PDB file of N, CA and C in Angstrom:
ATOM      1  N   ALA A   1      11.103  10.945  18.542  1.00  0.00           N
ATOM      2  CA  ALA A   1       9.758  10.626  17.773  1.00  0.00           C
ATOM      3  C   ALA A   1      10.026  10.776  16.163  1.00  0.00           C
ATOM      4  N   THR A   2      10.749  11.787  15.821  1.00  0.00           N
ATOM      5  CA  THR A   2      10.968  11.908  14.348  1.00  0.00           C
ATOM      6  C   THR A   2      11.869  10.838  13.789  1.00  0.00           C
ATOM      7  N   LEU A   3      12.769  10.404  14.641  1.00  0.00           N
ATOM      8  CA  LEU A   3      13.756   9.367  14.087  1.00  0.00           C
ATOM      9  C   LEU A   3      12.994   8.000  14.071  1.00  0.00           C
ATOM     10  N   GLN A   4      12.103   7.790  15.082  1.00  0.00           N
ATOM     11  CA  GLN A   4      11.261   6.585  15.005  1.00  0.00           C
ATOM     12  C   GLN A   4      10.359   6.585  13.797  1.00  0.00           C
ATOM     13  N   PHE A   5       9.740   7.699  13.520  1.00  0.00           N
ATOM     14  CA  PHE A   5       8.864   7.727  12.297  1.00  0.00           C
ATOM     15  C   PHE A   5       9.690   7.520  11.058  1.00  0.00           C
ATOM     16  N   ALA A   6      10.880   8.120  10.970  1.00  0.00           N
ATOM     17  CA  ALA A   6      11.698   7.919   9.793  1.00  0.00           C
ATOM     18  C   ALA A   6      12.125   6.467   9.646  1.00  0.00           C
ATOM     19  N   ALA A   7      12.383   5.796  10.727  1.00  0.00           N
ATOM     20  CA  ALA A   7      12.748   4.358  10.701  1.00  0.00           C
ATOM     21  C   ALA A   7      11.553   3.554  10.206  1.00  0.00           C
ATOM     22  N   LEU A   8      10.405   3.868  10.785  1.00  0.00           N
ATOM     23  CA  LEU A   8       9.169   3.054  10.450  1.00  0.00           C
ATOM     24  C   LEU A   8       8.886   3.223   9.040  1.00  0.00           C
ATOM     25  N   LEU A   9       8.971   4.456   8.608  1.00  0.00           N
ATOM     26  CA  LEU A   9       8.766   4.793   7.139  1.00  0.00           C
ATOM     27  C   LEU A   9       9.710   3.955   6.251  1.00  0.00           C
ATOM     28  N   SER A  10      10.934   4.013   6.593  1.00  0.00           N
ATOM     29  CA  SER A  10      11.935   3.269   5.734  1.00  0.00           C
ATOM     30  C   SER A  10      11.704   1.866   5.804  1.00  0.00           C
ATOM     31  N   LEU A  11      11.394   1.152   6.930  1.00  0.00           N
ATOM     32  CA  LEU A  11      11.046  -0.212   6.954  1.00  0.00           C
ATOM     33  C   LEU A  11       9.851  -0.505   6.242  1.00  0.00           C
ATOM     34  N   ASN A  12       8.897   0.215   6.371  1.00  0.00           N
ATOM     35  CA  ASN A  12       7.622   0.036   5.534  1.00  0.00           C
ATOM     36  C   ASN A  12       7.840   0.081   3.996  1.00  0.00           C
ATOM     37  N   LEU A  13       8.700   1.031   3.591  1.00  0.00           N
ATOM     38  CA  LEU A  13       8.989   1.103   2.143  1.00  0.00           C
ATOM     39  C   LEU A  13       9.728  -0.132   1.693  1.00  0.00           C
ATOM     40  N   ALA A  14      10.661  -0.566   2.599  1.00  0.00           N
ATOM     41  CA  ALA A  14      11.476  -1.796   2.196  1.00  0.00           C
ATOM     42  C   ALA A  14      10.601  -2.994   2.057  1.00  0.00           C
ATOM     43  N   VAL A  15       9.609  -3.245   3.008  1.00  0.00           N
ATOM     44  CA  VAL A  15       8.706  -4.353   2.820  1.00  0.00           C
ATOM     45  C   VAL A  15       7.767  -4.149   1.761  1.00  0.00           C
ATOM     46  N   MET A  16       7.309  -3.010   1.348  1.00  0.00           N
ATOM     47  CA  MET A  16       6.417  -2.767   0.136  1.00  0.00           C
ATOM     48  C   MET A  16       7.214  -3.116  -1.115  1.00  0.00           C
ATOM     49  N   ASN A  17       8.438  -2.664  -1.166  1.00  0.00           N
ATOM     50  CA  ASN A  17       9.288  -2.963  -2.326  1.00  0.00           C
ATOM     51  C   ASN A  17       9.568  -4.407  -2.657  1.00  0.00           C
ATOM     52  N   LEU A  18       9.485  -5.225  -1.529  1.00  0.00           N
ATOM     53  CA  LEU A  18       9.789  -6.660  -1.771  1.00  0.00           C
ATOM     54  C   LEU A  18       8.539  -7.420  -2.033  1.00  0.00           C
ATOM     55  N   LEU A  19       7.436  -6.832  -2.045  1.00  0.00           N
ATOM     56  CA  LEU A  19       6.205  -7.587  -2.373  1.00  0.00           C
ATOM     57  C   LEU A  19       6.280  -7.958  -3.851  1.00  0.00           C
ATOM     58  N   PRO A  20       5.775  -9.093  -4.186  1.00  0.00           N
ATOM     59  CA  PRO A  20       5.890  -9.688  -5.602  1.00  0.00           C
ATOM     60  C   PRO A  20       4.968  -8.971  -6.538  1.00  0.00           C
ATOM     61  N   ILE A  21       5.102  -7.684  -6.592  1.00  0.00           N
ATOM     62  CA  ILE A  21       4.363  -6.820  -7.587  1.00  0.00           C
ATOM     63  C   ILE A  21       5.329  -6.483  -8.766  1.00  0.00           C
ATOM     64  N   PRO A  22       4.842  -6.764 -10.001  1.00  0.00           N
ATOM     65  CA  PRO A  22       5.703  -6.343 -11.171  1.00  0.00           C
ATOM     66  C   PRO A  22       6.039  -4.884 -11.122  1.00  0.00           C
ATOM     67  N   ALA A  23       7.189  -4.612 -11.539  1.00  0.00           N
ATOM     68  CA  ALA A  23       7.892  -3.277 -11.607  1.00  0.00           C
ATOM     69  C   ALA A  23       8.524  -2.976 -10.300  1.00  0.00           C
ATOM     70  N   LEU A  24       8.411  -3.767  -9.294  1.00  0.00           N
ATOM     71  CA  LEU A  24       9.123  -3.548  -8.017  1.00  0.00           C
ATOM     72  C   LEU A  24      10.142  -4.620  -7.844  1.00  0.00           C
ATOM     73  N   ASP A  25      11.124  -4.461  -6.956  1.00  0.00           N
ATOM     74  CA  ASP A  25      12.126  -5.444  -6.772  1.00  0.00           C
ATOM     75  C   ASP A  25      11.636  -6.831  -6.418  1.00  0.00           C
ATOM     76  N   GLY A  26      10.504  -6.958  -5.677  1.00  0.00           N
ATOM     77  CA  GLY A  26       9.860  -8.177  -5.349  1.00  0.00           C
ATOM     78  C   GLY A  26       9.314  -8.882  -6.665  1.00  0.00           C
ATOM     79  N   GLY A  27       8.865  -8.056  -7.601  1.00  0.00           N
ATOM     80  CA  GLY A  27       8.410  -8.641  -8.777  1.00  0.00           C
ATOM     81  C   GLY A  27       9.571  -9.350  -9.668  1.00  0.00           C
ATOM     82  N   ARG A  28      10.704  -8.688  -9.612  1.00  0.00           N
ATOM     83  CA  ARG A  28      11.858  -9.243 -10.215  1.00  0.00           C
ATOM     84  C   ARG A  28      12.371 -10.503  -9.556  1.00  0.00           C
ATOM     85  N   PHE A  29      12.308 -10.475  -8.255  1.00  0.00           N
ATOM     86  CA  PHE A  29      12.652 -11.619  -7.398  1.00  0.00           C
ATOM     87  C   PHE A  29      11.715 -12.821  -7.723  1.00  0.00           C
ATOM     88  N   ALA A  30      10.429 -12.541  -7.862  1.00  0.00           N
ATOM     89  CA  ALA A  30       9.385 -13.560  -8.231  1.00  0.00           C
ATOM     90  C   ALA A  30       9.807 -14.233  -9.581  1.00  0.00           C
ATOM     91  N   PHE A  31      10.244 -13.486 -10.548  1.00  0.00           N
ATOM     92  CA  PHE A  31      10.590 -13.966 -11.775  1.00  0.00           C
ATOM     93  C   PHE A  31      11.830 -14.952 -11.559  1.00  0.00           C
ATOM     94  N   LEU A  32      12.766 -14.510 -10.800  1.00  0.00           N
ATOM     95  CA  LEU A  32      14.010 -15.279 -10.510  1.00  0.00           C
ATOM     96  C   LEU A  32      13.666 -16.603  -9.816  1.00  0.00           C
ATOM     97  N   VAL A  33      12.674 -16.587  -8.959  1.00  0.00           N
ATOM     98  CA  VAL A  33      12.208 -17.769  -8.241  1.00  0.00           C
ATOM     99  C   VAL A  33      11.600 -18.776  -9.273  1.00  0.00           C
ATOM    100  N   VAL A  34      10.742 -18.229 -10.165  1.00  0.00           N
ATOM    101  CA  VAL A  34      10.062 -19.064 -11.190  1.00  0.00           C
ATOM    102  C   VAL A  34      11.033 -19.663 -12.110  1.00  0.00           C
ATOM    103  N   GLU A  35      12.005 -18.878 -12.488  1.00  0.00           N
ATOM    104  CA  GLU A  35      13.113 -19.403 -13.397  1.00  0.00           C
ATOM    105  C   GLU A  35      13.928 -20.471 -12.613  1.00  0.00           C
ATOM    106  N   ALA A  36      14.209 -20.280 -11.357  1.00  0.00           N
ATOM    107  CA  ALA A  36      14.919 -21.293 -10.671  1.00  0.00           C
ATOM    108  C   ALA A  36      14.104 -22.595 -10.505  1.00  0.00           C
ATOM    109  N   ILE A  37      12.736 -22.514 -10.289  1.00  0.00           N
ATOM    110  CA  ILE A  37      12.053 -23.674 -10.176  1.00  0.00           C
ATOM    111  C   ILE A  37      11.894 -24.408 -11.456  1.00  0.00           C
ATOM    112  N   THR A  38      11.569 -23.661 -12.500  1.00  0.00           N
ATOM    113  CA  THR A  38      11.297 -24.259 -13.820  1.00  0.00           C
ATOM    114  C   THR A  38      12.693 -24.522 -14.575  1.00  0.00           C
ATOM    115  N   ARG A  39      13.717 -23.948 -14.157  1.00  0.00           N
ATOM    116  CA  ARG A  39      15.038 -24.097 -14.833  1.00  0.00           C
ATOM    117  C   ARG A  39      15.041 -23.576 -16.322  1.00  0.00           C
ATOM    118  N   LYS A  40      14.034 -22.763 -16.516  1.00  0.00           N
ATOM    119  CA  LYS A  40      13.938 -22.173 -17.889  1.00  0.00           C
ATOM    120  C   LYS A  40      13.905 -20.601 -17.770  1.00  0.00           C
ATOM    121  N   ARG A  41      14.541 -19.986 -18.642  1.00  0.00           N
ATOM    122  CA  ARG A  41      14.487 -18.552 -18.751  1.00  0.00           C
ATOM    123  C   ARG A  41      13.220 -18.043 -19.248  1.00  0.00           C
ATOM    124  N   ILE A  42      12.588 -17.138 -18.568  1.00  0.00           N
ATOM    125  CA  ILE A  42      11.325 -16.585 -19.063  1.00  0.00           C
ATOM    126  C   ILE A  42      11.697 -15.625 -20.197  1.00  0.00           C
ATOM    127  N   TYR A  43      10.909 -15.590 -21.264  1.00  0.00           N
ATOM    128  CA  TYR A  43      11.117 -14.837 -22.352  1.00  0.00           C
ATOM    129  C   TYR A  43      11.174 -13.367 -21.998  1.00  0.00           C
ATOM    130  N   PRO A  44      12.247 -12.685 -22.335  1.00  0.00           N
ATOM    131  CA  PRO A  44      12.423 -11.294 -22.018  1.00  0.00           C
ATOM    132  C   PRO A  44      11.139 -10.410 -22.410  1.00  0.00           C
ATOM    133  N   LYS A  45      10.616 -10.679 -23.562  1.00  0.00           N
ATOM    134  CA  LYS A  45       9.407  -9.900 -24.018  1.00  0.00           C
ATOM    135  C   LYS A  45       8.298 -10.104 -23.092  1.00  0.00           C
ATOM    136  N   ILE A  46       7.990 -11.305 -22.628  1.00  0.00           N
ATOM    137  CA  ILE A  46       6.876 -11.521 -21.647  1.00  0.00           C
ATOM    138  C   ILE A  46       7.192 -10.758 -20.300  1.00  0.00           C
ATOM    139  N   GLU A  47       8.516 -10.840 -19.862  1.00  0.00           N
ATOM    140  CA  GLU A  47       8.800 -10.245 -18.600  1.00  0.00           C
ATOM    141  C   GLU A  47       8.671  -8.692 -18.734  1.00  0.00           C
ATOM    142  N   LYS A  48       9.051  -8.161 -19.880  1.00  0.00           N
ATOM    143  CA  LYS A  48       8.909  -6.689 -20.129  1.00  0.00           C
ATOM    144  C   LYS A  48       7.501  -6.312 -20.101  1.00  0.00           C
ATOM    145  N   ILE A  49       6.628  -7.114 -20.733  1.00  0.00           N
ATOM    146  CA  ILE A  49       5.124  -6.817 -20.751  1.00  0.00           C
ATOM    147  C   ILE A  49       4.567  -6.804 -19.243  1.00  0.00           C
ATOM    148  N   VAL A  50       4.882  -7.834 -18.605  1.00  0.00           N
ATOM    149  CA  VAL A  50       4.425  -8.012 -17.121  1.00  0.00           C
ATOM    150  C   VAL A  50       4.945  -6.806 -16.274  1.00  0.00           C
ATOM    151  N   HIS A  51       6.128  -6.391 -16.442  1.00  0.00           N
ATOM    152  CA  HIS A  51       6.753  -5.233 -15.657  1.00  0.00           C
ATOM    153  C   HIS A  51       6.045  -3.904 -16.163  1.00  0.00           C
ATOM    154  N   THR A  52       5.894  -3.804 -17.368  1.00  0.00           N
ATOM    155  CA  THR A  52       5.186  -2.501 -17.803  1.00  0.00           C
ATOM    156  C   THR A  52       3.830  -2.382 -17.393  1.00  0.00           C
ATOM    157  N   ALA A  53       3.057  -3.522 -17.422  1.00  0.00           N
ATOM    158  CA  ALA A  53       1.665  -3.552 -16.925  1.00  0.00           C
ATOM    159  C   ALA A  53       1.682  -3.195 -15.442  1.00  0.00           C
ATOM    160  N   GLY A  54       2.593  -3.834 -14.614  1.00  0.00           N
ATOM    161  CA  GLY A  54       2.644  -3.544 -13.205  1.00  0.00           C
ATOM    162  C   GLY A  54       2.911  -2.061 -12.934  1.00  0.00           C
ATOM    163  N   PHE A  55       3.851  -1.477 -13.692  1.00  0.00           N
ATOM    164  CA  PHE A  55       4.187  -0.141 -13.578  1.00  0.00           C
ATOM    165  C   PHE A  55       2.980   0.710 -13.773  1.00  0.00           C
ATOM    166  N   PHE A  56       2.276   0.586 -14.876  1.00  0.00           N
ATOM    167  CA  PHE A  56       1.106   1.365 -15.177  1.00  0.00           C
ATOM    168  C   PHE A  56      -0.013   1.198 -14.101  1.00  0.00           C
ATOM    169  N   ILE A  57      -0.101  -0.016 -13.530  1.00  0.00           N
ATOM    170  CA  ILE A  57      -1.057  -0.201 -12.482  1.00  0.00           C
ATOM    171  C   ILE A  57      -0.643   0.621 -11.258  1.00  0.00           C
ATOM    172  N   LEU A  58       0.639   0.596 -10.915  1.00  0.00           N
ATOM    173  CA  LEU A  58       1.178   1.389  -9.791  1.00  0.00           C
ATOM    174  C   LEU A  58       0.921   2.898 -10.000  1.00  0.00           C
ATOM    175  N   ILE A  59       1.291   3.332 -11.253  1.00  0.00           N
ATOM    176  CA  ILE A  59       1.088   4.797 -11.445  1.00  0.00           C
ATOM    177  C   ILE A  59      -0.352   5.239 -11.420  1.00  0.00           C
ATOM    178  N   THR A  60      -1.283   4.233 -11.945  1.00  0.00           N
ATOM    179  CA  THR A  60      -2.682   4.611 -11.883  1.00  0.00           C
ATOM    180  C   THR A  60      -3.097   4.591 -10.366  1.00  0.00           C
ATOM    181  N   LEU A  61      -2.588   3.659  -9.525  1.00  0.00           N
ATOM    182  CA  LEU A  61      -3.003   3.743  -8.121  1.00  0.00           C
ATOM    183  C   LEU A  61      -2.595   4.975  -7.448  1.00  0.00           C
ATOM    184  N   ILE A  62      -1.322   5.449  -7.778  1.00  0.00           N
ATOM    185  CA  ILE A  62      -0.856   6.691  -7.169  1.00  0.00           C
ATOM    186  C   ILE A  62      -1.646   7.838  -7.593  1.00  0.00           C
ATOM    187  N   LEU A  63      -2.104   7.949  -8.839  1.00  0.00           N
ATOM    188  CA  LEU A  63      -2.942   9.035  -9.354  1.00  0.00           C
ATOM    189  C   LEU A  63      -4.297   9.001  -8.722  1.00  0.00           C
ATOM    190  N   VAL A  64      -4.932   7.848  -8.521  1.00  0.00           N
ATOM    191  CA  VAL A  64      -6.245   7.712  -7.923  1.00  0.00           C
ATOM    192  C   VAL A  64      -6.044   8.216  -6.429  1.00  0.00           C
ATOM    193  N   VAL A  65      -5.122   7.716  -5.711  1.00  0.00           N
ATOM    194  CA  VAL A  65      -4.953   8.149  -4.308  1.00  0.00           C
ATOM    195  C   VAL A  65      -4.726   9.672  -4.199  1.00  0.00           C
ATOM    196  N   THR A  66      -3.882  10.125  -5.162  1.00  0.00           N
ATOM    197  CA  THR A  66      -3.615  11.617  -5.057  1.00  0.00           C
ATOM    198  C   THR A  66      -4.955  12.388  -5.399  1.00  0.00           C
ATOM    199  N   ALA A  67      -5.638  12.002  -6.392  1.00  0.00           N
ATOM    200  CA  ALA A  67      -6.883  12.688  -6.689  1.00  0.00           C
ATOM    201  C   ALA A  67      -7.932  12.644  -5.516  1.00  0.00           C
ATOM    202  N   ASN A  68      -7.882  11.464  -4.813  1.00  0.00           N
ATOM    203  CA  ASN A  68      -8.832  11.337  -3.700  1.00  0.00           C
ATOM    204  C   ASN A  68      -8.356  12.308  -2.608  1.00  0.00           C
ATOM    205  N   ASP A  69      -7.023  12.430  -2.310  1.00  0.00           N
ATOM    206  CA  ASP A  69      -6.571  13.311  -1.295  1.00  0.00           C
ATOM    207  C   ASP A  69      -6.842  14.733  -1.662  1.00  0.00           C
ATOM    208  N   ILE A  70      -6.694  15.228  -2.946  1.00  0.00           N
ATOM    209  CA  ILE A  70      -7.019  16.530  -3.389  1.00  0.00           C
ATOM    210  C   ILE A  70      -8.468  16.768  -3.159  1.00  0.00           C
ATOM    211  N   ASN A  71      -9.274  15.865  -3.565  1.00  0.00           N
ATOM    212  CA  ASN A  71     -10.763  16.115  -3.378  1.00  0.00           C
ATOM    213  C   ASN A  71     -11.222  16.216  -1.891  1.00  0.00           C
ATOM    214  N   ARG A  72     -10.523  15.411  -1.079  1.00  0.00           N
ATOM    215  CA  ARG A  72     -10.893  15.468   0.357  1.00  0.00           C
ATOM    216  C   ARG A  72     -10.284  16.788   0.910  1.00  0.00           C
ATOM    217  N   PHE A  73      -9.260  17.273   0.496  1.00  0.00           N
ATOM    218  CA  PHE A  73      -8.630  18.628   0.889  1.00  0.00           C
ATOM    219  C   PHE A  73      -9.585  19.710   0.445  1.00  0.00           C
ATOM    220  N   LEU A  74     -10.068  19.695  -0.812  1.00  0.00           N
ATOM    221  CA  LEU A  74     -10.883  20.730  -1.316  1.00  0.00           C
ATOM    222  C   LEU A  74     -12.269  20.761  -0.675  1.00  0.00           C
ATOM    223  N   ALA A  75     -12.762  19.552  -0.159  1.00  0.00           N
ATOM    224  CA  ALA A  75     -13.971  19.421   0.491  1.00  0.00           C
ATOM    225  C   ALA A  75     -13.830  19.870   1.995  1.00  0.00           C
ATOM    226  N   GLY A  76     -12.696  20.323   2.416  1.00  0.00           N
ATOM    227  CA  GLY A  76     -12.420  20.657   3.790  1.00  0.00           C
ATOM    228  C   GLY A  76     -12.328  19.528   4.777  1.00  0.00           C
ATOM    229  N   LYS A  77     -12.141  18.258   4.333  1.00  0.00           N
ATOM    230  CA  LYS A  77     -11.896  17.212   5.319  1.00  0.00           C
ATOM    231  C   LYS A  77     -10.451  17.054   5.562  1.00  0.00           C
ATOM    232  N   ALA A  78     -10.164  16.519   6.671  1.00  0.00           N
ATOM    233  CA  ALA A  78      -8.743  16.282   7.074  1.00  0.00           C
ATOM    234  C   ALA A  78      -8.245  15.086   6.209  1.00  0.00           C
ATOM    235  N   LEU A  79      -7.100  15.144   5.818  1.00  0.00           N
ATOM    236  CA  LEU A  79      -6.463  14.109   5.054  1.00  0.00           C
ATOM    237  C   LEU A  79      -6.244  12.945   5.891  1.00  0.00           C
ATOM    238  N   PHE A  80      -5.898  13.112   7.069  1.00  0.00           N
ATOM    239  CA  PHE A  80      -5.507  12.117   8.094  1.00  0.00           C
ATOM    240  C   PHE A  80      -6.521  12.022   9.228  1.00  0.00           C
ATOM    241  N   GLU A  81      -7.739  11.870   9.012  1.00  0.00           N
ATOM    242  CA  GLU A  81      -8.764  11.832  10.048  1.00  0.00           C
ATOM    243  C   GLU A  81      -8.417  10.771  11.030  1.00  0.00           C
ATOM    244  N   LYS A  82      -7.997   9.609  10.654  1.00  0.00           N
ATOM    245  CA  LYS A  82      -7.676   8.420  11.511  1.00  0.00           C
ATOM    246  C   LYS A  82      -6.601   8.804  12.417  1.00  0.00           C
ATOM    247  N   PHE A  83      -5.588   9.621  11.996  1.00  0.00           N
ATOM    248  CA  PHE A  83      -4.466   9.964  12.761  1.00  0.00           C
ATOM    249  C   PHE A  83      -4.465  11.277  13.422  1.00  0.00           C
ATOM    250  N   SER A  84      -5.706  11.878  13.468  1.00  0.00           N
ATOM    251  CA  SER A  84      -5.827  13.253  14.088  1.00  0.00           C
ATOM    252  C   SER A  84      -5.459  13.232  15.473  1.00  0.00           C
ATOM    253  N   ASP A  85      -5.670  12.141  16.242  1.00  0.00           N
ATOM    254  CA  ASP A  85      -5.316  12.029  17.593  1.00  0.00           C
ATOM    255  C   ASP A  85      -3.869  12.215  17.829  1.00  0.00           C
ATOM    256  N   LEU A  86      -3.094  11.517  16.944  1.00  0.00           N
ATOM    257  CA  LEU A  86      -1.577  11.609  17.033  1.00  0.00           C
ATOM    258  C   LEU A  86      -1.058  12.995  16.796  1.00  0.00           C
ATOM    259  N   ILE A  87      -1.743  13.741  15.952  1.00  0.00           N
ATOM    260  CA  ILE A  87      -1.234  15.053  15.568  1.00  0.00           C
ATOM    261  C   ILE A  87      -1.370  16.075  16.651  1.00  0.00           C
ATOM    262  N   LYS A  88      -2.512  15.934  17.413  1.00  0.00           N
ATOM    263  CA  LYS A  88      -2.897  16.792  18.510  1.00  0.00           C
ATOM    264  C   LYS A  88      -1.979  16.811  19.659  1.00  0.00           C
TER     265      LYS A  88
END
């Protein structure tokens, strides 16, 4: 069961990393696809701005989710209410 969970977690991380979100590998791949289609190099300054904005959005999302989890924990609610049947 633990090995299956680790495999599922690893696969999920790989899929999420390939999504075309700036600052992830999929975001870089999306830039390569656009460059291949247009046959023009995207200005490095523009690419840097897009990746930086994507990075800040991801960090903000992580902070919001973490704050929500802390609030739920302090309120005495289970963090994984939907998965409570699996834990029992």
